[in-house]
Amino acid sequence: MKKITLDVLTTPGCIHCDEFLDFWQLIAGEWPNVTMREISIITIEGQVLARKHQMFAAPSIIVNDEVFASGGFNTVKFVEKIRELSI
């Protein structure tokens, strides 16, 4: 399986951010090739990522340095993307 980086840009109190992080916890064991980082928008690193990728909503999900979703997510499409990149 190919290595994948997953950056999740979050904001404090964001319900959708928590939903994605909970979803990731459920499936993370199936994807040992994925390294996930939660990055808060209130950090300098988070602000740099938000500007770089022109993100205006949370969670912003970045897979291999490309924006997958911002402001919401589709679990089926997310798993399909991870599966596709893992091959």
PDB file of N, CA and C in Angstrom:
ATOM      1  N   MET A   1       0.836  -1.188   0.000  1.00  0.00           N
ATOM      2  CA  MET A   1       0.000   0.000   0.000  1.00  0.00           C
ATOM      3  C   MET A   1       0.877   1.246   0.000  1.00  0.00           C
ATOM      4  N   LYS A   2       0.505   2.205  -0.805  1.00  0.00           N
ATOM      5  CA  LYS A   2       1.245   3.460  -0.863  1.00  0.00           C
ATOM      6  C   LYS A   2       0.953   4.312   0.365  1.00  0.00           C
ATOM      7  N   LYS A   3       1.965   5.072   0.785  1.00  0.00           N
ATOM      8  CA  LYS A   3       1.814   5.982   1.923  1.00  0.00           C
ATOM      9  C   LYS A   3       0.927   7.158   1.529  1.00  0.00           C
ATOM     10  N   ILE A   4       0.076   7.563   2.462  1.00  0.00           N
ATOM     11  CA  ILE A   4      -0.838   8.680   2.244  1.00  0.00           C
ATOM     12  C   ILE A   4      -0.770   9.600   3.449  1.00  0.00           C
ATOM     13  N   THR A   5      -0.757  10.907   3.186  1.00  0.00           N
ATOM     14  CA  THR A   5      -0.847  11.871   4.280  1.00  0.00           C
ATOM     15  C   THR A   5      -2.255  12.452   4.297  1.00  0.00           C
ATOM     16  N   LEU A   6      -2.786  12.578   5.495  1.00  0.00           N
ATOM     17  CA  LEU A   6      -4.132  13.103   5.694  1.00  0.00           C
ATOM     18  C   LEU A   6      -4.048  14.206   6.737  1.00  0.00           C
ATOM     19  N   ASP A   7      -4.266  15.435   6.312  1.00  0.00           N
ATOM     20  CA  ASP A   7      -4.300  16.573   7.230  1.00  0.00           C
ATOM     21  C   ASP A   7      -5.745  17.025   7.362  1.00  0.00           C
ATOM     22  N   VAL A   8      -6.195  17.169   8.600  1.00  0.00           N
ATOM     23  CA  VAL A   8      -7.567  17.596   8.860  1.00  0.00           C
ATOM     24  C   VAL A   8      -7.499  18.928   9.593  1.00  0.00           C
ATOM     25  N   LEU A   9      -7.906  19.976   8.912  1.00  0.00           N
ATOM     26  CA  LEU A   9      -7.895  21.322   9.475  1.00  0.00           C
ATOM     27  C   LEU A   9      -9.203  21.526  10.226  1.00  0.00           C
ATOM     28  N   THR A  10      -9.091  21.791  11.532  1.00  0.00           N
ATOM     29  CA  THR A  10     -10.273  21.891  12.387  1.00  0.00           C
ATOM     30  C   THR A  10     -10.358  23.253  13.062  1.00  0.00           C
ATOM     31  N   THR A  11     -11.553  23.535  13.576  1.00  0.00           N
ATOM     32  CA  THR A  11     -11.761  24.737  14.378  1.00  0.00           C
ATOM     33  C   THR A  11     -12.370  24.311  15.710  1.00  0.00           C
ATOM     34  N   PRO A  12     -12.097  25.058  16.778  1.00  0.00           N
ATOM     35  CA  PRO A  12     -12.666  24.713  18.081  1.00  0.00           C
ATOM     36  C   PRO A  12     -14.199  24.731  18.034  1.00  0.00           C
ATOM     37  N   GLY A  13     -14.814  23.704  18.611  1.00  0.00           N
ATOM     38  CA  GLY A  13     -16.266  23.644  18.676  1.00  0.00           C
ATOM     39  C   GLY A  13     -16.959  23.225  17.398  1.00  0.00           C
ATOM     40  N   CYS A  14     -16.214  22.790  16.416  1.00  0.00           N
ATOM     41  CA  CYS A  14     -16.776  22.406  15.110  1.00  0.00           C
ATOM     42  C   CYS A  14     -17.355  20.988  15.181  1.00  0.00           C
ATOM     43  N   ILE A  15     -18.660  20.892  15.071  1.00  0.00           N
ATOM     44  CA  ILE A  15     -19.336  19.595  15.151  1.00  0.00           C
ATOM     45  C   ILE A  15     -18.937  18.693  13.985  1.00  0.00           C
ATOM     46  N   HIS A  16     -18.862  19.255  12.785  1.00  0.00           N
ATOM     47  CA  HIS A  16     -18.502  18.447  11.615  1.00  0.00           C
ATOM     48  C   HIS A  16     -17.054  17.965  11.699  1.00  0.00           C
ATOM     49  N   CYS A  17     -16.195  18.760  12.325  1.00  0.00           N
ATOM     50  CA  CYS A  17     -14.808  18.333  12.537  1.00  0.00           C
ATOM     51  C   CYS A  17     -14.789  17.102  13.436  1.00  0.00           C
ATOM     52  N   ASP A  18     -15.537  17.173  14.540  1.00  0.00           N
ATOM     53  CA  ASP A  18     -15.616  16.038  15.464  1.00  0.00           C
ATOM     54  C   ASP A  18     -16.196  14.807  14.777  1.00  0.00           C
ATOM     55  N   GLU A  19     -17.193  15.010  13.923  1.00  0.00           N
ATOM     56  CA  GLU A  19     -17.789  13.884  13.195  1.00  0.00           C
ATOM     57  C   GLU A  19     -16.759  13.207  12.304  1.00  0.00           C
ATOM     58  N   PHE A  20     -15.951  14.010  11.595  1.00  0.00           N
ATOM     59  CA  PHE A  20     -14.939  13.400  10.735  1.00  0.00           C
ATOM     60  C   PHE A  20     -13.887  12.678  11.566  1.00  0.00           C
ATOM     61  N   LEU A  21     -13.430  13.298  12.642  1.00  0.00           N
ATOM     62  CA  LEU A  21     -12.409  12.666  13.478  1.00  0.00           C
ATOM     63  C   LEU A  21     -12.927  11.367  14.091  1.00  0.00           C
ATOM     64  N   ASP A  22     -14.186  11.333  14.501  1.00  0.00           N
ATOM     65  CA  ASP A  22     -14.791  10.095  15.016  1.00  0.00           C
ATOM     66  C   ASP A  22     -14.859   9.037  13.918  1.00  0.00           C
ATOM     67  N   PHE A  23     -15.256   9.450  12.711  1.00  0.00           N
ATOM     68  CA  PHE A  23     -15.301   8.531  11.573  1.00  0.00           C
ATOM     69  C   PHE A  23     -13.910   7.971  11.295  1.00  0.00           C
ATOM     70  N   TRP A  24     -12.904   8.833  11.294  1.00  0.00           N
ATOM     71  CA  TRP A  24     -11.543   8.377  11.022  1.00  0.00           C
ATOM     72  C   TRP A  24     -11.102   7.360  12.071  1.00  0.00           C
ATOM     73  N   GLN A  25     -11.417   7.593  13.333  1.00  0.00           N
ATOM     74  CA  GLN A  25     -11.048   6.642  14.387  1.00  0.00           C
ATOM     75  C   GLN A  25     -11.651   5.266  14.117  1.00  0.00           C
ATOM     76  N   LEU A  26     -12.857   5.231  13.583  1.00  0.00           N
ATOM     77  CA  LEU A  26     -13.512   3.957  13.291  1.00  0.00           C
ATOM     78  C   LEU A  26     -12.815   3.178  12.179  1.00  0.00           C
ATOM     79  N   ILE A  27     -12.277   3.877  11.195  1.00  0.00           N
ATOM     80  CA  ILE A  27     -11.704   3.186  10.029  1.00  0.00           C
ATOM     81  C   ILE A  27     -10.183   3.212   9.976  1.00  0.00           C
ATOM     82  N   ALA A  28      -9.538   3.946  10.848  1.00  0.00           N
ATOM     83  CA  ALA A  28      -8.078   4.121  10.777  1.00  0.00           C
ATOM     84  C   ALA A  28      -7.330   2.790  10.785  1.00  0.00           C
ATOM     85  N   GLY A  29      -7.819   1.814  11.518  1.00  0.00           N
ATOM     86  CA  GLY A  29      -7.159   0.516  11.585  1.00  0.00           C
ATOM     87  C   GLY A  29      -7.094  -0.202  10.248  1.00  0.00           C
ATOM     88  N   GLU A  30      -8.007   0.134   9.354  1.00  0.00           N
ATOM     89  CA  GLU A  30      -8.022  -0.474   8.022  1.00  0.00           C
ATOM     90  C   GLU A  30      -6.993   0.162   7.090  1.00  0.00           C
ATOM     91  N   TRP A  31      -6.453   1.311   7.507  1.00  0.00           N
ATOM     92  CA  TRP A  31      -5.559   2.074   6.637  1.00  0.00           C
ATOM     93  C   TRP A  31      -4.245   2.399   7.352  1.00  0.00           C
ATOM     94  N   PRO A  32      -3.406   1.377   7.597  1.00  0.00           N
ATOM     95  CA  PRO A  32      -2.136   1.628   8.290  1.00  0.00           C
ATOM     96  C   PRO A  32      -1.159   2.460   7.459  1.00  0.00           C
ATOM     97  N   ASN A  33      -1.442   2.602   6.183  1.00  0.00           N
ATOM     98  CA  ASN A  33      -0.581   3.385   5.298  1.00  0.00           C
ATOM     99  C   ASN A  33      -0.886   4.881   5.346  1.00  0.00           C
ATOM    100  N   VAL A  34      -1.921   5.277   6.092  1.00  0.00           N
ATOM    101  CA  VAL A  34      -2.334   6.679   6.161  1.00  0.00           C
ATOM    102  C   VAL A  34      -1.854   7.300   7.466  1.00  0.00           C
ATOM    103  N   THR A  35      -1.143   8.403   7.337  1.00  0.00           N
ATOM    104  CA  THR A  35      -0.717   9.178   8.495  1.00  0.00           C
ATOM    105  C   THR A  35      -1.628  10.389   8.596  1.00  0.00           C
ATOM    106  N   MET A  36      -2.383  10.475   9.703  1.00  0.00           N
ATOM    107  CA  MET A  36      -3.344  11.560   9.887  1.00  0.00           C
ATOM    108  C   MET A  36      -2.834  12.551  10.922  1.00  0.00           C
ATOM    109  N   ARG A  37      -3.012  13.840  10.582  1.00  0.00           N
ATOM    110  CA  ARG A  37      -2.699  14.915  11.530  1.00  0.00           C
ATOM    111  C   ARG A  37      -3.917  15.811  11.640  1.00  0.00           C
ATOM    112  N   GLU A  38      -4.313  16.098  12.872  1.00  0.00           N
ATOM    113  CA  GLU A  38      -5.343  17.106  13.109  1.00  0.00           C
ATOM    114  C   GLU A  38      -4.622  18.419  13.358  1.00  0.00           C
ATOM    115  N   ILE A  39      -4.984  19.445  12.607  1.00  0.00           N
ATOM    116  CA  ILE A  39      -4.320  20.744  12.716  1.00  0.00           C
ATOM    117  C   ILE A  39      -5.389  21.800  12.967  1.00  0.00           C
ATOM    118  N   SER A  40      -5.271  22.494  14.079  1.00  0.00           N
ATOM    119  CA  SER A  40      -6.249  23.523  14.418  1.00  0.00           C
ATOM    120  C   SER A  40      -5.978  24.800  13.631  1.00  0.00           C
ATOM    121  N   ILE A  41      -7.040  25.425  13.182  1.00  0.00           N
ATOM    122  CA  ILE A  41      -6.934  26.684  12.440  1.00  0.00           C
ATOM    123  C   ILE A  41      -6.355  27.794  13.317  1.00  0.00           C
ATOM    124  N   ILE A  42      -6.428  27.631  14.633  1.00  0.00           N
ATOM    125  CA  ILE A  42      -5.921  28.693  15.502  1.00  0.00           C
ATOM    126  C   ILE A  42      -4.410  28.636  15.670  1.00  0.00           C
ATOM    127  N   THR A  43      -3.766  27.614  15.085  1.00  0.00           N
ATOM    128  CA  THR A  43      -2.308  27.544  15.117  1.00  0.00           C
ATOM    129  C   THR A  43      -1.737  28.232  13.878  1.00  0.00           C
ATOM    130  N   ILE A  44      -0.490  28.590  13.951  1.00  0.00           N
ATOM    131  CA  ILE A  44       0.172  29.196  12.787  1.00  0.00           C
ATOM    132  C   ILE A  44       0.176  28.209  11.622  1.00  0.00           C
ATOM    133  N   GLU A  45       0.479  26.944  11.901  1.00  0.00           N
ATOM    134  CA  GLU A  45       0.483  25.936  10.836  1.00  0.00           C
ATOM    135  C   GLU A  45      -0.899  25.828  10.182  1.00  0.00           C
ATOM    136  N   GLY A  46      -1.947  25.874  10.997  1.00  0.00           N
ATOM    137  CA  GLY A  46      -3.310  25.815  10.472  1.00  0.00           C
ATOM    138  C   GLY A  46      -3.639  27.011   9.604  1.00  0.00           C
ATOM    139  N   GLN A  47      -3.204  28.186  10.018  1.00  0.00           N
ATOM    140  CA  GLN A  47      -3.458  29.396   9.237  1.00  0.00           C
ATOM    141  C   GLN A  47      -2.711  29.365   7.910  1.00  0.00           C
ATOM    142  N   VAL A  48      -1.491  28.850   7.942  1.00  0.00           N
ATOM    143  CA  VAL A  48      -0.706  28.733   6.706  1.00  0.00           C
ATOM    144  C   VAL A  48      -1.396  27.768   5.736  1.00  0.00           C
ATOM    145  N   LEU A  49      -1.843  26.622   6.244  1.00  0.00           N
ATOM    146  CA  LEU A  49      -2.541  25.657   5.387  1.00  0.00           C
ATOM    147  C   LEU A  49      -3.834  26.234   4.823  1.00  0.00           C
ATOM    148  N   ALA A  50      -4.588  26.940   5.658  1.00  0.00           N
ATOM    149  CA  ALA A  50      -5.850  27.529   5.206  1.00  0.00           C
ATOM    150  C   ALA A  50      -5.610  28.526   4.079  1.00  0.00           C
ATOM    151  N   ARG A  51      -4.573  29.334   4.204  1.00  0.00           N
ATOM    152  CA  ARG A  51      -4.253  30.295   3.137  1.00  0.00           C
ATOM    153  C   ARG A  51      -3.761  29.576   1.884  1.00  0.00           C
ATOM    154  N   LYS A  52      -2.876  28.619   2.074  1.00  0.00           N
ATOM    155  CA  LYS A  52      -2.297  27.895   0.941  1.00  0.00           C
ATOM    156  C   LYS A  52      -3.383  27.233   0.087  1.00  0.00           C
ATOM    157  N   HIS A  53      -4.358  26.620   0.749  1.00  0.00           N
ATOM    158  CA  HIS A  53      -5.397  25.875   0.039  1.00  0.00           C
ATOM    159  C   HIS A  53      -6.701  26.652  -0.108  1.00  0.00           C
ATOM    160  N   GLN A  54      -6.679  27.929   0.296  1.00  0.00           N
ATOM    161  CA  GLN A  54      -7.849  28.813   0.197  1.00  0.00           C
ATOM    162  C   GLN A  54      -9.088  28.165   0.822  1.00  0.00           C
ATOM    163  N   MET A  55      -8.936  27.777   2.069  1.00  0.00           N
ATOM    164  CA  MET A  55     -10.014  27.115   2.797  1.00  0.00           C
ATOM    165  C   MET A  55     -10.789  28.124   3.615  1.00  0.00           C
ATOM    166  N   PHE A  56     -12.103  27.991   3.557  1.00  0.00           N
ATOM    167  CA  PHE A  56     -12.968  28.916   4.283  1.00  0.00           C
ATOM    168  C   PHE A  56     -13.970  28.196   5.170  1.00  0.00           C
ATOM    169  N   ALA A  57     -13.884  26.875   5.251  1.00  0.00           N
ATOM    170  CA  ALA A  57     -14.823  26.104   6.060  1.00  0.00           C
ATOM    171  C   ALA A  57     -14.093  24.935   6.716  1.00  0.00           C
ATOM    172  N   ALA A  58     -14.672  24.446   7.790  1.00  0.00           N
ATOM    173  CA  ALA A  58     -14.075  23.319   8.497  1.00  0.00           C
ATOM    174  C   ALA A  58     -15.114  22.205   8.631  1.00  0.00           C
ATOM    175  N   PRO A  59     -14.672  20.963   8.632  1.00  0.00           N
ATOM    176  CA  PRO A  59     -13.276  20.584   8.515  1.00  0.00           C
ATOM    177  C   PRO A  59     -12.805  20.708   7.069  1.00  0.00           C
ATOM    178  N   SER A  60     -11.541  20.974   6.922  1.00  0.00           N
ATOM    179  CA  SER A  60     -10.924  20.923   5.606  1.00  0.00           C
ATOM    180  C   SER A  60     -10.041  19.689   5.604  1.00  0.00           C
ATOM    181  N   ILE A  61     -10.274  18.831   4.650  1.00  0.00           N
ATOM    182  CA  ILE A  61      -9.600  17.542   4.594  1.00  0.00           C
ATOM    183  C   ILE A  61      -8.642  17.566   3.416  1.00  0.00           C
ATOM    184  N   ILE A  62      -7.365  17.421   3.727  1.00  0.00           N
ATOM    185  CA  ILE A  62      -6.311  17.494   2.717  1.00  0.00           C
ATOM    186  C   ILE A  62      -5.666  16.113   2.611  1.00  0.00           C
ATOM    187  N   VAL A  63      -5.698  15.540   1.423  1.00  0.00           N
ATOM    188  CA  VAL A  63      -5.125  14.222   1.186  1.00  0.00           C
ATOM    189  C   VAL A  63      -3.956  14.392   0.223  1.00  0.00           C
ATOM    190  N   ASN A  64      -2.772  14.006   0.684  1.00  0.00           N
ATOM    191  CA  ASN A  64      -1.557  14.148  -0.129  1.00  0.00           C
ATOM    192  C   ASN A  64      -1.409  15.564  -0.681  1.00  0.00           C
ATOM    193  N   ASP A  65      -1.623  16.536   0.177  1.00  0.00           N
ATOM    194  CA  ASP A  65      -1.447  17.959  -0.122  1.00  0.00           C
ATOM    195  C   ASP A  65      -2.446  18.504  -1.150  1.00  0.00           C
ATOM    196  N   GLU A  66      -3.570  17.800  -1.335  1.00  0.00           N
ATOM    197  CA  GLU A  66      -4.643  18.286  -2.201  1.00  0.00           C
ATOM    198  C   GLU A  66      -5.942  18.292  -1.410  1.00  0.00           C
ATOM    199  N   VAL A  67      -6.726  19.345  -1.569  1.00  0.00           N
ATOM    200  CA  VAL A  67      -7.985  19.452  -0.838  1.00  0.00           C
ATOM    201  C   VAL A  67      -8.951  18.378  -1.334  1.00  0.00           C
ATOM    202  N   PHE A  68      -9.429  17.564  -0.406  1.00  0.00           N
ATOM    203  CA  PHE A  68     -10.452  16.567  -0.722  1.00  0.00           C
ATOM    204  C   PHE A  68     -11.840  17.138  -0.452  1.00  0.00           C
ATOM    205  N   ALA A  69     -11.989  17.809   0.683  1.00  0.00           N
ATOM    206  CA  ALA A  69     -13.293  18.368   1.054  1.00  0.00           C
ATOM    207  C   ALA A  69     -13.088  19.519   2.020  1.00  0.00           C
ATOM    208  N   SER A  70     -14.049  20.428   2.024  1.00  0.00           N
ATOM    209  CA  SER A  70     -14.007  21.559   2.943  1.00  0.00           C
ATOM    210  C   SER A  70     -15.430  21.880   3.379  1.00  0.00           C
ATOM    211  N   GLY A  71     -15.646  21.864   4.688  1.00  0.00           N
ATOM    212  CA  GLY A  71     -16.952  22.205   5.224  1.00  0.00           C
ATOM    213  C   GLY A  71     -17.894  21.034   5.388  1.00  0.00           C
ATOM    214  N   GLY A  72     -17.505  19.892   4.929  1.00  0.00           N
ATOM    215  CA  GLY A  72     -18.319  18.691   5.035  1.00  0.00           C
ATOM    216  C   GLY A  72     -17.598  17.568   4.323  1.00  0.00           C
ATOM    217  N   PHE A  73     -18.139  16.366   4.425  1.00  0.00           N
ATOM    218  CA  PHE A  73     -17.461  15.245   3.781  1.00  0.00           C
ATOM    219  C   PHE A  73     -18.459  14.133   3.513  1.00  0.00           C
ATOM    220  N   ASN A  74     -18.124  13.324   2.537  1.00  0.00           N
ATOM    221  CA  ASN A  74     -18.917  12.157   2.180  1.00  0.00           C
ATOM    222  C   ASN A  74     -18.069  10.938   2.518  1.00  0.00           C
ATOM    223  N   THR A  75     -18.537  10.103   3.437  1.00  0.00           N
ATOM    224  CA  THR A  75     -17.729   8.977   3.904  1.00  0.00           C
ATOM    225  C   THR A  75     -17.409   7.992   2.784  1.00  0.00           C
ATOM    226  N   VAL A  76     -18.366   7.739   1.912  1.00  0.00           N
ATOM    227  CA  VAL A  76     -18.148   6.785   0.824  1.00  0.00           C
ATOM    228  C   VAL A  76     -17.085   7.312  -0.133  1.00  0.00           C
ATOM    229  N   LYS A  77     -17.199   8.567  -0.533  1.00  0.00           N
ATOM    230  CA  LYS A  77     -16.212   9.150  -1.445  1.00  0.00           C
ATOM    231  C   LYS A  77     -14.836   9.231  -0.797  1.00  0.00           C
ATOM    232  N   PHE A  78     -14.806   9.506   0.512  1.00  0.00           N
ATOM    233  CA  PHE A  78     -13.523   9.575   1.209  1.00  0.00           C
ATOM    234  C   PHE A  78     -12.830   8.213   1.173  1.00  0.00           C
ATOM    235  N   VAL A  79     -13.538   7.154   1.515  1.00  0.00           N
ATOM    236  CA  VAL A  79     -12.948   5.810   1.508  1.00  0.00           C
ATOM    237  C   VAL A  79     -12.527   5.425   0.096  1.00  0.00           C
ATOM    238  N   GLU A  80     -13.332   5.763  -0.903  1.00  0.00           N
ATOM    239  CA  GLU A  80     -12.961   5.484  -2.294  1.00  0.00           C
ATOM    240  C   GLU A  80     -11.655   6.181  -2.656  1.00  0.00           C
ATOM    241  N   LYS A  81     -11.499   7.429  -2.227  1.00  0.00           N
ATOM    242  CA  LYS A  81     -10.281   8.189  -2.519  1.00  0.00           C
ATOM    243  C   LYS A  81      -9.070   7.544  -1.855  1.00  0.00           C
ATOM    244  N   ILE A  82      -9.204   7.171  -0.595  1.00  0.00           N
ATOM    245  CA  ILE A  82      -8.100   6.530   0.120  1.00  0.00           C
ATOM    246  C   ILE A  82      -7.748   5.199  -0.544  1.00  0.00           C
ATOM    247  N   ARG A  83      -8.749   4.438  -0.909  1.00  0.00           N
ATOM    248  CA  ARG A  83      -8.517   3.149  -1.574  1.00  0.00           C
ATOM    249  C   ARG A  83      -7.779   3.362  -2.903  1.00  0.00           C
ATOM    250  N   GLU A  84      -8.235   4.329  -3.685  1.00  0.00           N
ATOM    251  CA  GLU A  84      -7.632   4.631  -4.992  1.00  0.00           C
ATOM    252  C   GLU A  84      -6.164   5.028  -4.843  1.00  0.00           C
ATOM    253  N   LEU A  85      -5.867   5.867  -3.862  1.00  0.00           N
ATOM    254  CA  LEU A  85      -4.495   6.334  -3.673  1.00  0.00           C
ATOM    255  C   LEU A  85      -3.588   5.273  -3.060  1.00  0.00           C
ATOM    256  N   SER A  86      -4.171   4.281  -2.415  1.00  0.00           N
ATOM    257  CA  SER A  86      -3.388   3.242  -1.746  1.00  0.00           C
ATOM    258  C   SER A  86      -2.816   2.217  -2.709  1.00  0.00           C
ATOM    259  N   ILE A  87      -3.412   2.117  -3.881  1.00  0.00           N
ATOM    260  CA  ILE A  87      -3.006   1.085  -4.854  1.00  0.00           C
ATOM    261  C   ILE A  87      -1.706   1.459  -5.529  1.00  0.00           C
TER     262      ILE A  87
END
